[in-house]
Amino acid sequence: GGVVTAQLKNRMMELIQTIMRKDVHMIFAEPVSDLIAPGYSSIISNPMDLSSMQGKVQRGEYTSLKDLKDDADLMCKNCMVYNSDDTIFYKEAVKLQNYISFLFGEKKG
């Protein structure tokens, strides 16, 4: 991994903010707990959410936009694995994943 520039960090934070604005139901804002999603931790081994992604940016854990996109995709995938496809959660995850593909497709870097 290289040095993460302030410019790259700012770009990543902007992308996360953009995804957050799209997540109007706040489904992906915070870590999922077993309290609100029974058995979540036994089904999803590698949880991800937008606030955790912000923390990773701040700590310099992403060295490229691809790293960020991988976690964004993981976040959506987890939601689709845990929820059945007739739920709002699943449908929002599909929408968000399409949006993320569009976002990162437009913003190569």
Protein backbone atom coordinates (compact mmCIF):
# COMPACT_ATOMS: atom_id res chain seq x y z
CA GLY A 1 0.00 0.00 0.00
CA GLY A 2 1.11 3.51 -0.79
CA VAL A 3 0.66 6.72 1.10
CA VAL A 4 -2.95 7.87 1.18
CA THR A 5 -3.02 11.51 0.18
CA ALA A 6 -5.39 14.03 1.76
CA GLN A 7 -6.80 14.54 -1.72
CA LEU A 8 -7.69 10.86 -2.06
CA LYS A 9 -9.20 10.80 1.44
CA ASN A 10 -11.36 13.82 0.60
CA ARG A 11 -12.49 12.20 -2.64
CA MET A 12 -13.43 9.02 -0.76
CA MET A 13 -15.32 10.97 1.91
CA GLU A 14 -17.23 12.77 -0.85
CA LEU A 15 -18.16 9.44 -2.43
CA ILE A 16 -19.40 8.06 0.90
CA GLN A 17 -21.44 11.24 1.48
CA THR A 18 -22.95 10.83 -1.98
CA ILE A 19 -23.90 7.22 -1.22
CA MET A 20 -25.33 8.32 2.16
CA ARG A 21 -27.60 10.86 0.47
CA LYS A 22 -28.88 8.06 -1.78
CA ASP A 23 -29.56 5.83 1.26
CA VAL A 24 -32.72 7.72 2.24
CA HIS A 25 -33.97 4.98 4.59
CA MET A 26 -30.61 4.97 6.44
CA ILE A 27 -30.40 1.20 5.92
CA PHE A 28 -26.64 1.29 5.42
CA ALA A 29 -25.70 4.14 7.79
CA GLU A 30 -24.57 2.17 10.85
CA PRO A 31 -23.39 -1.34 11.74
CA VAL A 32 -26.19 -3.93 11.83
CA SER A 33 -26.76 -5.45 15.28
CA ASP A 34 -28.27 -8.83 16.06
CA LEU A 35 -30.82 -6.91 18.10
CA ILE A 36 -32.42 -5.39 15.00
CA ALA A 37 -31.45 -8.25 12.68
CA PRO A 38 -31.64 -11.59 14.54
CA GLY A 39 -28.80 -13.96 13.70
CA TYR A 40 -27.06 -11.38 11.52
CA SER A 41 -23.58 -12.03 12.90
CA SER A 42 -23.87 -15.76 12.32
CA ILE A 43 -24.90 -15.26 8.67
CA ILE A 44 -22.71 -12.29 7.73
CA SER A 45 -19.05 -12.90 8.56
CA ASN A 46 -17.71 -9.62 7.19
CA PRO A 47 -20.17 -6.81 8.00
CA MET A 48 -19.81 -3.37 6.43
CA ASP A 49 -21.68 -0.07 6.66
CA LEU A 50 -21.16 3.55 5.68
CA SER A 51 -20.00 4.83 9.09
CA SER A 52 -17.41 2.01 9.29
CA MET A 53 -16.25 2.99 5.80
CA GLN A 54 -15.79 6.60 6.94
CA GLY A 55 -13.67 5.35 9.83
CA LYS A 56 -11.52 3.32 7.46
CA VAL A 57 -10.98 6.38 5.26
CA GLN A 58 -9.96 8.46 8.28
CA ARG A 59 -7.50 5.77 9.41
CA GLY A 60 -6.03 5.53 5.90
CA GLU A 61 -7.06 1.91 5.42
CA TYR A 62 -8.17 2.39 1.81
CA THR A 63 -5.26 2.94 -0.55
CA SER A 64 -7.40 3.23 -3.70
CA LEU A 65 -10.94 3.95 -4.83
CA LYS A 66 -11.18 0.27 -5.73
CA ASP A 67 -10.74 -0.64 -2.04
CA LEU A 68 -13.59 1.70 -1.19
CA LYS A 69 -15.82 0.31 -3.92
CA ASP A 70 -15.10 -3.26 -2.77
CA ASP A 71 -16.43 -2.43 0.70
CA ALA A 72 -19.43 -0.59 -0.74
CA ASP A 73 -20.23 -3.65 -2.85
CA LEU A 74 -19.71 -5.92 0.18
CA MET A 75 -22.16 -3.80 2.18
CA CYS A 76 -24.84 -4.24 -0.50
CA LYS A 77 -24.08 -7.92 -0.97
CA ASN A 78 -24.40 -8.59 2.78
CA CYS A 79 -27.83 -6.96 2.76
CA MET A 80 -28.94 -9.14 -0.16
CA VAL A 81 -27.61 -12.29 1.51
CA TYR A 82 -29.37 -11.63 4.83
CA ASN A 83 -32.70 -10.27 3.53
CA SER A 84 -35.12 -12.02 1.20
CA ASP A 85 -35.62 -10.45 -2.20
CA ASP A 86 -39.15 -9.24 -1.44
CA THR A 87 -38.00 -6.88 1.33
CA ILE A 88 -37.38 -3.13 1.12
CA PHE A 89 -33.85 -3.82 2.39
CA TYR A 90 -32.99 -6.14 -0.47
CA LYS A 91 -34.55 -3.83 -3.06
CA GLU A 92 -32.68 -0.82 -1.69
CA ALA A 93 -29.43 -2.82 -1.73
CA VAL A 94 -29.91 -3.63 -5.43
CA LYS A 95 -30.65 0.02 -6.18
CA LEU A 96 -27.66 1.21 -4.19
CA GLN A 97 -25.34 -1.32 -5.79
CA ASN A 98 -26.37 -0.14 -9.25
CA TYR A 99 -25.82 3.44 -8.13
CA ILE A 100 -22.37 2.58 -6.73
CA SER A 101 -21.39 0.95 -10.04
CA PHE A 102 -22.50 4.09 -11.84
CA LEU A 103 -20.70 6.35 -9.35
CA PHE A 104 -17.39 4.54 -9.56
CA GLY A 105 -17.71 3.96 -13.28
CA GLU A 106 -17.94 7.71 -13.72
CA LYS A 107 -15.16 8.40 -11.23
CA LYS A 108 -12.16 6.34 -12.12
CA GLY A 109 -9.12 7.30 -10.11
